[in-house]
Amino acid sequence: MLVVAPSAVPARLLKRVIEICGGWNAVCVRLGINEHQLAAWLEGSEPIPPRVLLRAADVVLADDIAWAAQDRRAEPRRASAPNQPARG
């Protein structure tokens, strides 16, 4: 099982949103923030406001739902072994 420190979760969430949106500028527009705020949150020098965390979670969940809608597997995905990606 992958263990992540709770303090690392918000930054990981923002990094995933950057991947989904395609870069910092798109994330800033989507979340209604500026690049200085994003940098501070990713560095961990400032806490991420709850409203931004919720918006970021919405982006990740919407992406996950979109991918799931395209999934044509007959059986559900099985859990992967520790430190290995899931296989379908």
Protein backbone atom coordinates (compact mmCIF):
# COMPACT_ATOMS: atom_id res chain seq x y z
CA MET A 1 0.00 0.00 0.00
CA LEU A 2 1.23 3.47 -0.89
CA VAL A 3 1.48 5.57 2.24
CA VAL A 4 1.38 9.35 1.87
CA ALA A 5 1.83 11.84 4.67
CA PRO A 6 -1.40 13.82 5.11
CA SER A 7 0.54 17.06 4.70
CA ALA A 8 1.60 15.96 1.18
CA VAL A 9 -1.92 15.34 -0.10
CA PRO A 10 -2.87 18.95 -1.01
CA ALA A 11 0.32 19.49 -3.04
CA ARG A 12 -0.14 16.13 -4.78
CA LEU A 13 -3.68 17.12 -5.63
CA LEU A 14 -2.50 20.40 -7.16
CA LYS A 15 0.22 18.59 -9.14
CA ARG A 16 -2.42 16.26 -10.55
CA VAL A 17 -4.59 19.23 -11.51
CA ILE A 18 -1.59 20.75 -13.32
CA GLU A 19 -1.24 17.50 -15.30
CA ILE A 20 -4.94 17.38 -16.14
CA CYS A 21 -5.17 21.03 -17.16
CA GLY A 22 -1.92 21.04 -19.10
CA GLY A 23 0.09 23.59 -17.18
CA TRP A 24 0.24 26.32 -14.59
CA ASN A 25 -1.57 29.00 -16.59
CA ALA A 26 -4.57 26.77 -17.25
CA VAL A 27 -4.72 25.78 -13.57
CA CYS A 28 -4.62 29.39 -12.45
CA VAL A 29 -7.49 30.28 -14.76
CA ARG A 30 -9.51 27.19 -13.83
CA LEU A 31 -9.07 27.65 -10.07
CA GLY A 32 -9.21 31.45 -10.08
CA ILE A 33 -5.75 31.91 -8.55
CA ASN A 34 -2.42 33.46 -9.55
CA GLU A 35 0.94 31.80 -10.19
CA HIS A 36 2.51 33.20 -7.01
CA GLN A 37 -0.20 31.55 -4.90
CA LEU A 38 0.20 28.27 -6.75
CA ALA A 39 3.97 28.31 -6.27
CA ALA A 40 3.64 29.02 -2.54
CA TRP A 41 1.16 26.19 -2.09
CA LEU A 42 3.28 23.71 -4.03
CA GLU A 43 6.35 24.69 -1.97
CA GLY A 44 4.34 24.25 1.20
CA SER A 45 5.14 27.76 2.40
CA GLU A 46 1.45 28.67 2.62
CA PRO A 47 -1.62 26.54 3.38
CA ILE A 48 -4.03 25.93 0.53
CA PRO A 49 -7.47 27.47 1.20
CA PRO A 50 -10.31 24.94 1.47
CA ARG A 51 -12.18 26.51 -1.47
CA VAL A 52 -9.15 25.91 -3.72
CA LEU A 53 -8.76 22.32 -2.47
CA LEU A 54 -12.42 21.65 -3.26
CA ARG A 55 -12.10 23.13 -6.75
CA ALA A 56 -8.96 21.05 -7.34
CA ALA A 57 -10.73 17.91 -6.14
CA ASP A 58 -13.59 18.66 -8.54
CA VAL A 59 -11.14 18.85 -11.45
CA VAL A 60 -9.55 15.51 -10.54
CA LEU A 61 -12.90 13.80 -9.98
CA ALA A 62 -14.33 15.11 -13.25
CA ASP A 63 -11.28 13.76 -15.08
CA ASP A 64 -11.60 10.40 -13.33
CA ILE A 65 -15.31 10.19 -14.19
CA ALA A 66 -14.56 11.02 -17.84
CA TRP A 67 -11.95 8.25 -18.00
CA ALA A 68 -14.30 5.78 -16.29
CA ALA A 69 -17.02 6.57 -18.83
CA GLN A 70 -14.63 5.49 -21.58
CA ASP A 71 -13.61 2.28 -19.79
CA ARG A 72 -14.93 -0.72 -21.70
CA ARG A 73 -13.64 -3.50 -19.44
CA ALA A 74 -16.01 -6.36 -18.72
CA GLU A 75 -14.67 -6.72 -15.17
CA PRO A 76 -13.73 -4.11 -12.58
CA ARG A 77 -10.10 -3.11 -12.16
CA ARG A 78 -8.25 -5.26 -9.64
CA ALA A 79 -6.14 -3.76 -6.88
CA SER A 80 -2.45 -3.64 -7.68
CA ALA A 81 0.43 -4.90 -5.60
CA PRO A 82 2.16 -2.30 -3.40
CA ASN A 83 4.15 0.29 -5.37
CA GLN A 84 2.94 -1.05 -8.71
CA PRO A 85 0.38 0.54 -11.02
CA ALA A 86 -3.05 -1.03 -11.36
CA ARG A 87 -3.55 -3.23 -14.41
CA GLY A 88 -6.82 -3.73 -16.17
